[in-house]
All heavy atoms as atom14 arrays in JSON, in Angstrom:
{
  "sequence": "DVDPAGVYSVLSKAGTAAKSMSDTGSAMQGNLEEAASAAGTLTSQ",
  "atom14_mask": [
    [1, 1, 1, 1, 1, 1, 1, 1, 0, 0, 0, 0, 0, 0],
    [1, 1, 1, 1, 1, 1, 1, 0, 0, 0, 0, 0, 0, 0],
    [1, 1, 1, 1, 1, 1, 1, 1, 0, 0, 0, 0, 0, 0],
    [1, 1, 1, 1, 1, 1, 1, 0, 0, 0, 0, 0, 0, 0],
    [1, 1, 1, 1, 1, 0, 0, 0, 0, 0, 0, 0, 0, 0],
    [1, 1, 1, 1, 0, 0, 0, 0, 0, 0, 0, 0, 0, 0],
    [1, 1, 1, 1, 1, 1, 1, 0, 0, 0, 0, 0, 0, 0],
    [1, 1, 1, 1, 1, 1, 1, 1, 1, 1, 1, 1, 0, 0],
    [1, 1, 1, 1, 1, 1, 0, 0, 0, 0, 0, 0, 0, 0],
    [1, 1, 1, 1, 1, 1, 1, 0, 0, 0, 0, 0, 0, 0],
    [1, 1, 1, 1, 1, 1, 1, 1, 0, 0, 0, 0, 0, 0],
    [1, 1, 1, 1, 1, 1, 0, 0, 0, 0, 0, 0, 0, 0],
    [1, 1, 1, 1, 1, 1, 1, 1, 1, 0, 0, 0, 0, 0],
    [1, 1, 1, 1, 1, 0, 0, 0, 0, 0, 0, 0, 0, 0],
    [1, 1, 1, 1, 0, 0, 0, 0, 0, 0, 0, 0, 0, 0],
    [1, 1, 1, 1, 1, 1, 1, 0, 0, 0, 0, 0, 0, 0],
    [1, 1, 1, 1, 1, 0, 0, 0, 0, 0, 0, 0, 0, 0],
    [1, 1, 1, 1, 1, 0, 0, 0, 0, 0, 0, 0, 0, 0],
    [1, 1, 1, 1, 1, 1, 1, 1, 1, 0, 0, 0, 0, 0],
    [1, 1, 1, 1, 1, 1, 0, 0, 0, 0, 0, 0, 0, 0],
    [1, 1, 1, 1, 1, 1, 1, 1, 0, 0, 0, 0, 0, 0],
    [1, 1, 1, 1, 1, 1, 0, 0, 0, 0, 0, 0, 0, 0],
    [1, 1, 1, 1, 1, 1, 1, 1, 0, 0, 0, 0, 0, 0],
    [1, 1, 1, 1, 1, 1, 1, 0, 0, 0, 0, 0, 0, 0],
    [1, 1, 1, 1, 0, 0, 0, 0, 0, 0, 0, 0, 0, 0],
    [1, 1, 1, 1, 1, 1, 0, 0, 0, 0, 0, 0, 0, 0],
    [1, 1, 1, 1, 1, 0, 0, 0, 0, 0, 0, 0, 0, 0],
    [1, 1, 1, 1, 1, 1, 1, 1, 0, 0, 0, 0, 0, 0],
    [1, 1, 1, 1, 1, 1, 1, 1, 1, 0, 0, 0, 0, 0],
    [1, 1, 1, 1, 0, 0, 0, 0, 0, 0, 0, 0, 0, 0],
    [1, 1, 1, 1, 1, 1, 1, 1, 0, 0, 0, 0, 0, 0],
    [1, 1, 1, 1, 1, 1, 1, 1, 0, 0, 0, 0, 0, 0],
    [1, 1, 1, 1, 1, 1, 1, 1, 1, 0, 0, 0, 0, 0],
    [1, 1, 1, 1, 1, 1, 1, 1, 1, 0, 0, 0, 0, 0],
    [1, 1, 1, 1, 1, 0, 0, 0, 0, 0, 0, 0, 0, 0],
    [1, 1, 1, 1, 1, 0, 0, 0, 0, 0, 0, 0, 0, 0],
    [1, 1, 1, 1, 1, 1, 0, 0, 0, 0, 0, 0, 0, 0],
    [1, 1, 1, 1, 1, 0, 0, 0, 0, 0, 0, 0, 0, 0],
    [1, 1, 1, 1, 1, 0, 0, 0, 0, 0, 0, 0, 0, 0],
    [1, 1, 1, 1, 0, 0, 0, 0, 0, 0, 0, 0, 0, 0],
    [1, 1, 1, 1, 1, 1, 1, 0, 0, 0, 0, 0, 0, 0],
    [1, 1, 1, 1, 1, 1, 1, 1, 0, 0, 0, 0, 0, 0],
    [1, 1, 1, 1, 1, 1, 1, 0, 0, 0, 0, 0, 0, 0],
    [1, 1, 1, 1, 1, 1, 0, 0, 0, 0, 0, 0, 0, 0],
    [1, 1, 1, 1, 1, 1, 1, 1, 1, 0, 0, 0, 0, 0]
  ],
  "atom14_positions": [
    [[33.33, 115.24, 115.25], [32.31, 116.27, 115.43], [31.04, 115.74, 114.77], [30.82, 115.94, 113.57], [32.76, 117.59, 114.8], [31.76, 118.71, 115.05], [30.91, 118.57, 115.95], [31.84, 119.72, 114.35], [0.0, 0.0, 0.0], [0.0, 0.0, 0.0], [0.0, 0.0, 0.0], [0.0, 0.0, 0.0], [0.0, 0.0, 0.0], [0.0, 0.0, 0.0]],
    [[30.25, 115.02, 115.55], [29.09, 114.31, 115.02], [27.81, 115.04, 115.43], [27.66, 115.44, 116.58], [29.06, 112.86, 115.56], [27.83, 112.12, 115.08], [30.33, 112.13, 115.16], [0.0, 0.0, 0.0], [0.0, 0.0, 0.0], [0.0, 0.0, 0.0], [0.0, 0.0, 0.0], [0.0, 0.0, 0.0], [0.0, 0.0, 0.0], [0.0, 0.0, 0.0]],
    [[26.92, 115.19, 114.48], [25.59, 115.74, 114.76], [24.63, 114.55, 114.86], [24.14, 114.05, 113.84], [25.17, 116.68, 113.63], [23.72, 117.14, 113.74], [23.16, 117.09, 114.86], [23.15, 117.53, 112.7], [0.0, 0.0, 0.0], [0.0, 0.0, 0.0], [0.0, 0.0, 0.0], [0.0, 0.0, 0.0], [0.0, 0.0, 0.0], [0.0, 0.0, 0.0]],
    [[24.38, 114.06, 116.1], [23.55, 112.87, 116.26], [22.18, 112.97, 115.59], [21.72, 112.0, 114.97], [23.41, 112.72, 117.78], [24.64, 113.38, 118.32], [24.88, 114.54, 117.39], [0.0, 0.0, 0.0], [0.0, 0.0, 0.0], [0.0, 0.0, 0.0], [0.0, 0.0, 0.0], [0.0, 0.0, 0.0], [0.0, 0.0, 0.0], [0.0, 0.0, 0.0]],
    [[21.53, 114.11, 115.69], [20.21, 114.25, 115.06], [20.32, 114.08, 113.54], [19.46, 113.44, 112.91], [19.6, 115.61, 115.41], [0.0, 0.0, 0.0], [0.0, 0.0, 0.0], [0.0, 0.0, 0.0], [0.0, 0.0, 0.0], [0.0, 0.0, 0.0], [0.0, 0.0, 0.0], [0.0, 0.0, 0.0], [0.0, 0.0, 0.0], [0.0, 0.0, 0.0]],
    [[21.37, 114.63, 112.97], [21.59, 114.48, 111.53], [21.86, 113.04, 111.15], [21.35, 112.53, 110.14], [0.0, 0.0, 0.0], [0.0, 0.0, 0.0], [0.0, 0.0, 0.0], [0.0, 0.0, 0.0], [0.0, 0.0, 0.0], [0.0, 0.0, 0.0], [0.0, 0.0, 0.0], [0.0, 0.0, 0.0], [0.0, 0.0, 0.0], [0.0, 0.0, 0.0]],
    [[22.67, 112.37, 111.98], [22.98, 110.96, 111.72], [21.69, 110.13, 111.76], [21.42, 109.33, 110.87], [24.0, 110.41, 112.74], [24.13, 108.89, 112.62], [25.35, 111.07, 112.55], [0.0, 0.0, 0.0], [0.0, 0.0, 0.0], [0.0, 0.0, 0.0], [0.0, 0.0, 0.0], [0.0, 0.0, 0.0], [0.0, 0.0, 0.0], [0.0, 0.0, 0.0]],
    [[20.87, 110.34, 112.8], [19.65, 109.55, 112.92], [18.65, 109.85, 111.8], [17.92, 108.96, 111.37], [19.03, 109.73, 114.31], [19.9, 109.13, 115.39], [20.23, 109.86, 116.52], [20.43, 107.85, 115.26], [21.06, 109.31, 117.5], [21.25, 107.3, 116.22], [21.56, 108.03, 117.34], [22.37, 107.49, 118.3], [0.0, 0.0, 0.0], [0.0, 0.0, 0.0]],
    [[18.64, 111.08, 111.31], [17.79, 111.42, 110.19], [18.22, 110.65, 108.93], [17.39, 110.07, 108.23], [17.83, 112.93, 109.92], [17.12, 113.25, 108.74], [0.0, 0.0, 0.0], [0.0, 0.0, 0.0], [0.0, 0.0, 0.0], [0.0, 0.0, 0.0], [0.0, 0.0, 0.0], [0.0, 0.0, 0.0], [0.0, 0.0, 0.0], [0.0, 0.0, 0.0]],
    [[19.53, 110.64, 108.69], [20.05, 109.91, 107.53], [19.83, 108.41, 107.69], [19.43, 107.73, 106.74], [21.56, 110.23, 107.32], [22.17, 109.3, 106.28], [21.73, 111.68, 106.9], [0.0, 0.0, 0.0], [0.0, 0.0, 0.0], [0.0, 0.0, 0.0], [0.0, 0.0, 0.0], [0.0, 0.0, 0.0], [0.0, 0.0, 0.0], [0.0, 0.0, 0.0]],
    [[20.06, 107.88, 108.9], [19.85, 106.46, 109.14], [18.39, 106.06, 108.91], [18.11, 104.99, 108.37], [20.28, 106.07, 110.55], [21.78, 106.02, 110.82], [22.06, 105.7, 112.28], [22.46, 105.01, 109.91], [0.0, 0.0, 0.0], [0.0, 0.0, 0.0], [0.0, 0.0, 0.0], [0.0, 0.0, 0.0], [0.0, 0.0, 0.0], [0.0, 0.0, 0.0]],
    [[17.48, 106.91, 109.32], [16.06, 106.63, 109.12], [15.73, 106.54, 107.64], [15.06, 105.6, 107.19], [15.21, 107.71, 109.79], [13.84, 107.5, 109.52], [0.0, 0.0, 0.0], [0.0, 0.0, 0.0], [0.0, 0.0, 0.0], [0.0, 0.0, 0.0], [0.0, 0.0, 0.0], [0.0, 0.0, 0.0], [0.0, 0.0, 0.0], [0.0, 0.0, 0.0]],
    [[16.21, 107.51, 106.87], [15.94, 107.51, 105.42], [16.63, 106.34, 104.74], [16.04, 105.68, 103.87], [16.41, 108.83, 104.81], [15.57, 110.01, 105.24], [16.14, 111.32, 104.73], [15.34, 112.49, 105.3], [15.96, 113.78, 104.99], [0.0, 0.0, 0.0], [0.0, 0.0, 0.0], [0.0, 0.0, 0.0], [0.0, 0.0, 0.0], [0.0, 0.0, 0.0]],
    [[17.87, 106.07, 105.13], [18.6, 104.95, 104.53], [17.95, 103.62, 104.91], [17.9, 102.69, 104.09], [20.06, 104.98, 104.97], [0.0, 0.0, 0.0], [0.0, 0.0, 0.0], [0.0, 0.0, 0.0], [0.0, 0.0, 0.0], [0.0, 0.0, 0.0], [0.0, 0.0, 0.0], [0.0, 0.0, 0.0], [0.0, 0.0, 0.0], [0.0, 0.0, 0.0]],
    [[17.47, 103.51, 106.14], [16.79, 102.29, 106.57], [15.52, 102.03, 105.77], [15.23, 100.89, 105.39], [0.0, 0.0, 0.0], [0.0, 0.0, 0.0], [0.0, 0.0, 0.0], [0.0, 0.0, 0.0], [0.0, 0.0, 0.0], [0.0, 0.0, 0.0], [0.0, 0.0, 0.0], [0.0, 0.0, 0.0], [0.0, 0.0, 0.0], [0.0, 0.0, 0.0]],
    [[14.78, 103.09, 105.49], [13.58, 102.96, 104.67], [13.93, 102.49, 103.26], [13.28, 101.6, 102.71], [12.82, 104.31, 104.61], [12.43, 104.67, 105.94], [11.6, 104.23, 103.72], [0.0, 0.0, 0.0], [0.0, 0.0, 0.0], [0.0, 0.0, 0.0], [0.0, 0.0, 0.0], [0.0, 0.0, 0.0], [0.0, 0.0, 0.0], [0.0, 0.0, 0.0]],
    [[14.99, 103.07, 102.69], [15.43, 102.67, 101.35], [15.94, 101.23, 101.36], [15.66, 100.46, 100.43], [16.52, 103.61, 100.85], [0.0, 0.0, 0.0], [0.0, 0.0, 0.0], [0.0, 0.0, 0.0], [0.0, 0.0, 0.0], [0.0, 0.0, 0.0], [0.0, 0.0, 0.0], [0.0, 0.0, 0.0], [0.0, 0.0, 0.0], [0.0, 0.0, 0.0]],
    [[16.66, 100.84, 102.42], [17.18, 99.47, 102.51], [16.04, 98.47, 102.62], [16.09, 97.38, 102.03], [18.12, 99.34, 103.71], [0.0, 0.0, 0.0], [0.0, 0.0, 0.0], [0.0, 0.0, 0.0], [0.0, 0.0, 0.0], [0.0, 0.0, 0.0], [0.0, 0.0, 0.0], [0.0, 0.0, 0.0], [0.0, 0.0, 0.0], [0.0, 0.0, 0.0]],
    [[15.0, 98.81, 103.36], [13.83, 97.92, 103.49], [13.16, 97.74, 102.14], [12.79, 96.62, 101.75], [12.84, 98.52, 104.5], [11.5, 97.83, 104.57], [11.53, 96.6, 105.44], [10.15, 96.06, 105.74], [9.63, 95.15, 104.74], [0.0, 0.0, 0.0], [0.0, 0.0, 0.0], [0.0, 0.0, 0.0], [0.0, 0.0, 0.0], [0.0, 0.0, 0.0]],
    [[13.04, 98.82, 101.4], [12.44, 98.75, 100.07], [13.3, 97.88, 99.15], [12.77, 97.06, 98.38], [12.3, 100.16, 99.48], [11.8, 100.11, 98.18], [0.0, 0.0, 0.0], [0.0, 0.0, 0.0], [0.0, 0.0, 0.0], [0.0, 0.0, 0.0], [0.0, 0.0, 0.0], [0.0, 0.0, 0.0], [0.0, 0.0, 0.0], [0.0, 0.0, 0.0]],
    [[14.62, 98.03, 99.24], [15.54, 97.24, 98.43], [15.42, 95.75, 98.79], [15.39, 94.88, 97.93], [16.97, 97.72, 98.63], [17.99, 97.03, 97.77], [19.65, 97.74, 97.87], [20.09, 97.41, 99.56], [0.0, 0.0, 0.0], [0.0, 0.0, 0.0], [0.0, 0.0, 0.0], [0.0, 0.0, 0.0], [0.0, 0.0, 0.0], [0.0, 0.0, 0.0]],
    [[15.31, 95.46, 100.08], [15.17, 94.08, 100.54], [13.87, 93.46, 100.04], [13.84, 92.31, 99.56], [15.23, 94.03, 102.07], [14.97, 92.74, 102.54], [0.0, 0.0, 0.0], [0.0, 0.0, 0.0], [0.0, 0.0, 0.0], [0.0, 0.0, 0.0], [0.0, 0.0, 0.0], [0.0, 0.0, 0.0], [0.0, 0.0, 0.0], [0.0, 0.0, 0.0]],
    [[12.79, 94.22, 100.15], [11.49, 93.73, 99.67], [11.53, 93.45, 98.17], [10.99, 92.45, 97.69], [10.38, 94.74, 99.98], [10.09, 94.87, 101.47], [10.56, 94.02, 102.25], [9.42, 95.85, 101.85], [0.0, 0.0, 0.0], [0.0, 0.0, 0.0], [0.0, 0.0, 0.0], [0.0, 0.0, 0.0], [0.0, 0.0, 0.0], [0.0, 0.0, 0.0]],
    [[12.18, 94.33, 97.43], [12.3, 94.16, 95.98], [13.12, 92.91, 95.65], [12.77, 92.14, 94.76], [12.93, 95.4, 95.34], [12.1, 96.53, 95.61], [13.1, 95.24, 93.84], [0.0, 0.0, 0.0], [0.0, 0.0, 0.0], [0.0, 0.0, 0.0], [0.0, 0.0, 0.0], [0.0, 0.0, 0.0], [0.0, 0.0, 0.0], [0.0, 0.0, 0.0]],
    [[14.22, 92.71, 96.39], [15.04, 91.53, 96.16], [14.29, 90.25, 96.44], [14.41, 89.27, 95.69], [0.0, 0.0, 0.0], [0.0, 0.0, 0.0], [0.0, 0.0, 0.0], [0.0, 0.0, 0.0], [0.0, 0.0, 0.0], [0.0, 0.0, 0.0], [0.0, 0.0, 0.0], [0.0, 0.0, 0.0], [0.0, 0.0, 0.0], [0.0, 0.0, 0.0]],
    [[13.51, 90.24, 97.52], [12.71, 89.05, 97.84], [11.67, 88.78, 96.76], [11.46, 87.63, 96.35], [12.01, 89.23, 99.18], [12.95, 89.31, 100.22], [0.0, 0.0, 0.0], [0.0, 0.0, 0.0], [0.0, 0.0, 0.0], [0.0, 0.0, 0.0], [0.0, 0.0, 0.0], [0.0, 0.0, 0.0], [0.0, 0.0, 0.0], [0.0, 0.0, 0.0]],
    [[11.02, 89.83, 96.3], [10.02, 89.68, 95.23], [10.69, 89.18, 93.95], [10.14, 88.32, 93.26], [9.31, 91.0, 94.98], [0.0, 0.0, 0.0], [0.0, 0.0, 0.0], [0.0, 0.0, 0.0], [0.0, 0.0, 0.0], [0.0, 0.0, 0.0], [0.0, 0.0, 0.0], [0.0, 0.0, 0.0], [0.0, 0.0, 0.0], [0.0, 0.0, 0.0]],
    [[11.88, 89.7, 93.65], [12.58, 89.29, 92.44], [12.91, 87.8, 92.49], [12.75, 87.09, 91.5], [13.86, 90.09, 92.25], [14.6, 89.75, 90.96], [16.18, 90.55, 90.8], [17.18, 89.51, 91.85], [0.0, 0.0, 0.0], [0.0, 0.0, 0.0], [0.0, 0.0, 0.0], [0.0, 0.0, 0.0], [0.0, 0.0, 0.0], [0.0, 0.0, 0.0]],
    [[13.35, 87.33, 93.65], [13.68, 85.92, 93.79], [12.45, 85.04, 93.49], [12.54, 84.08, 92.73], [14.2, 85.63, 95.19], [14.62, 84.19, 95.39], [15.15, 83.94, 96.79], [15.15, 84.82, 97.63], [15.6, 82.73, 97.02], [0.0, 0.0, 0.0], [0.0, 0.0, 0.0], [0.0, 0.0, 0.0], [0.0, 0.0, 0.0], [0.0, 0.0, 0.0]],
    [[11.34, 85.41, 94.07], [10.11, 84.66, 93.8], [9.68, 84.75, 92.35], [9.24, 83.76, 91.76], [0.0, 0.0, 0.0], [0.0, 0.0, 0.0], [0.0, 0.0, 0.0], [0.0, 0.0, 0.0], [0.0, 0.0, 0.0], [0.0, 0.0, 0.0], [0.0, 0.0, 0.0], [0.0, 0.0, 0.0], [0.0, 0.0, 0.0], [0.0, 0.0, 0.0]],
    [[9.82, 85.93, 91.77], [9.43, 86.13, 90.38], [10.31, 85.33, 89.43], [9.84, 84.8, 88.42], [9.46, 87.61, 90.01], [8.37, 88.41, 90.69], [7.37, 87.85, 91.15], [8.56, 89.7, 90.79], [0.0, 0.0, 0.0], [0.0, 0.0, 0.0], [0.0, 0.0, 0.0], [0.0, 0.0, 0.0], [0.0, 0.0, 0.0], [0.0, 0.0, 0.0]],
    [[11.63, 85.25, 89.75], [12.53, 84.46, 88.9], [12.14, 82.98, 88.94], [12.13, 82.31, 87.91], [13.98, 84.62, 89.36], [14.7, 85.88, 88.91], [16.09, 85.97, 89.56], [14.83, 85.93, 87.4], [0.0, 0.0, 0.0], [0.0, 0.0, 0.0], [0.0, 0.0, 0.0], [0.0, 0.0, 0.0], [0.0, 0.0, 0.0], [0.0, 0.0, 0.0]],
    [[11.82, 82.49, 90.13], [11.41, 81.09, 90.26], [10.12, 80.82, 89.48], [10.01, 79.81, 88.78], [11.23, 80.73, 91.73], [12.54, 80.66, 92.49], [12.36, 80.47, 93.99], [11.22, 80.21, 94.43], [13.36, 80.59, 94.71], [0.0, 0.0, 0.0], [0.0, 0.0, 0.0], [0.0, 0.0, 0.0], [0.0, 0.0, 0.0], [0.0, 0.0, 0.0]],
    [[9.15, 81.72, 89.6], [7.89, 81.56, 88.87], [8.13, 81.61, 87.36], [7.56, 80.81, 86.61], [6.91, 82.65, 89.27], [6.26, 82.46, 90.61], [5.27, 83.58, 90.93], [4.59, 84.06, 90.0], [5.19, 83.96, 92.1], [0.0, 0.0, 0.0], [0.0, 0.0, 0.0], [0.0, 0.0, 0.0], [0.0, 0.0, 0.0], [0.0, 0.0, 0.0]],
    [[8.95, 82.56, 86.93], [9.21, 82.7, 85.5], [9.94, 81.47, 84.96], [9.61, 80.98, 83.87], [10.05, 83.96, 85.24], [0.0, 0.0, 0.0], [0.0, 0.0, 0.0], [0.0, 0.0, 0.0], [0.0, 0.0, 0.0], [0.0, 0.0, 0.0], [0.0, 0.0, 0.0], [0.0, 0.0, 0.0], [0.0, 0.0, 0.0], [0.0, 0.0, 0.0]],
    [[10.9, 80.96, 85.71], [11.62, 79.76, 85.27], [10.67, 78.57, 85.16], [10.75, 77.79, 84.2], [12.76, 79.46, 86.23], [0.0, 0.0, 0.0], [0.0, 0.0, 0.0], [0.0, 0.0, 0.0], [0.0, 0.0, 0.0], [0.0, 0.0, 0.0], [0.0, 0.0, 0.0], [0.0, 0.0, 0.0], [0.0, 0.0, 0.0], [0.0, 0.0, 0.0]],
    [[9.78, 78.45, 86.11], [8.81, 77.36, 86.1], [7.83, 77.5, 84.94], [7.48, 76.52, 84.27], [8.06, 77.33, 87.43], [7.07, 76.35, 87.41], [0.0, 0.0, 0.0], [0.0, 0.0, 0.0], [0.0, 0.0, 0.0], [0.0, 0.0, 0.0], [0.0, 0.0, 0.0], [0.0, 0.0, 0.0], [0.0, 0.0, 0.0], [0.0, 0.0, 0.0]],
    [[7.38, 78.71, 84.69], [6.39, 78.95, 83.64], [7.0, 78.89, 82.24], [6.27, 78.76, 81.26], [5.74, 80.32, 83.85], [0.0, 0.0, 0.0], [0.0, 0.0, 0.0], [0.0, 0.0, 0.0], [0.0, 0.0, 0.0], [0.0, 0.0, 0.0], [0.0, 0.0, 0.0], [0.0, 0.0, 0.0], [0.0, 0.0, 0.0], [0.0, 0.0, 0.0]],
    [[8.32, 78.97, 82.15], [8.97, 78.98, 80.84], [8.95, 77.62, 80.16], [9.26, 77.51, 78.98], [10.41, 79.47, 80.99], [0.0, 0.0, 0.0], [0.0, 0.0, 0.0], [0.0, 0.0, 0.0], [0.0, 0.0, 0.0], [0.0, 0.0, 0.0], [0.0, 0.0, 0.0], [0.0, 0.0, 0.0], [0.0, 0.0, 0.0], [0.0, 0.0, 0.0]],
    [[8.58, 76.6, 80.88], [8.45, 75.28, 80.27], [9.7, 74.43, 80.42], [10.7, 74.84, 80.99], [0.0, 0.0, 0.0], [0.0, 0.0, 0.0], [0.0, 0.0, 0.0], [0.0, 0.0, 0.0], [0.0, 0.0, 0.0], [0.0, 0.0, 0.0], [0.0, 0.0, 0.0], [0.0, 0.0, 0.0], [0.0, 0.0, 0.0], [0.0, 0.0, 0.0]],
    [[9.59, 73.22, 79.87], [10.68, 72.25, 79.99], [11.02, 71.7, 78.61], [10.27, 71.87, 77.65], [10.27, 71.08, 80.9], [9.11, 70.46, 80.36], [9.98, 71.55, 82.32], [0.0, 0.0, 0.0], [0.0, 0.0, 0.0], [0.0, 0.0, 0.0], [0.0, 0.0, 0.0], [0.0, 0.0, 0.0], [0.0, 0.0, 0.0], [0.0, 0.0, 0.0]],
    [[12.14, 71.05, 78.56], [12.54, 70.33, 77.35], [12.27, 68.85, 77.61], [12.62, 68.32, 78.66], [14.03, 70.53, 77.07], [14.48, 71.95, 76.77], [15.99, 72.0, 76.63], [13.83, 72.46, 75.5], [0.0, 0.0, 0.0], [0.0, 0.0, 0.0], [0.0, 0.0, 0.0], [0.0, 0.0, 0.0], [0.0, 0.0, 0.0], [0.0, 0.0, 0.0]],
    [[11.66, 68.19, 76.66], [11.36, 66.76, 76.81], [12.01, 66.01, 75.67], [11.9, 66.4, 74.5], [9.83, 66.53, 76.77], [9.23, 67.32, 77.78], [9.49, 65.07, 77.0], [0.0, 0.0, 0.0], [0.0, 0.0, 0.0], [0.0, 0.0, 0.0], [0.0, 0.0, 0.0], [0.0, 0.0, 0.0], [0.0, 0.0, 0.0], [0.0, 0.0, 0.0]],
    [[12.67, 64.94, 76.01], [13.31, 64.1, 75.0], [12.24, 63.36, 74.21], [11.32, 62.78, 74.79], [14.26, 63.11, 75.67], [14.73, 62.18, 74.71], [0.0, 0.0, 0.0], [0.0, 0.0, 0.0], [0.0, 0.0, 0.0], [0.0, 0.0, 0.0], [0.0, 0.0, 0.0], [0.0, 0.0, 0.0], [0.0, 0.0, 0.0], [0.0, 0.0, 0.0]],
    [[12.39, 63.33, 72.9], [11.41, 62.62, 72.08], [11.75, 61.15, 71.93], [10.98, 60.38, 71.37], [11.31, 63.27, 70.71], [12.57, 63.15, 69.87], [12.45, 63.9, 68.55], [11.61, 64.77, 68.41], [13.28, 63.55, 67.6], [0.0, 0.0, 0.0], [0.0, 0.0, 0.0], [0.0, 0.0, 0.0], [0.0, 0.0, 0.0], [0.0, 0.0, 0.0]]
  ]
}
């Protein structure tokens, strides 16, 4: 007993949240790489 309009409403909201989560994950990946690079290196004396 499925209410298609209700399903599509939930899917729309969940899709928006999933897109936001994906964008955040992509930004985090780039930020981790930048932070690792900016943190410096160890050099043997």
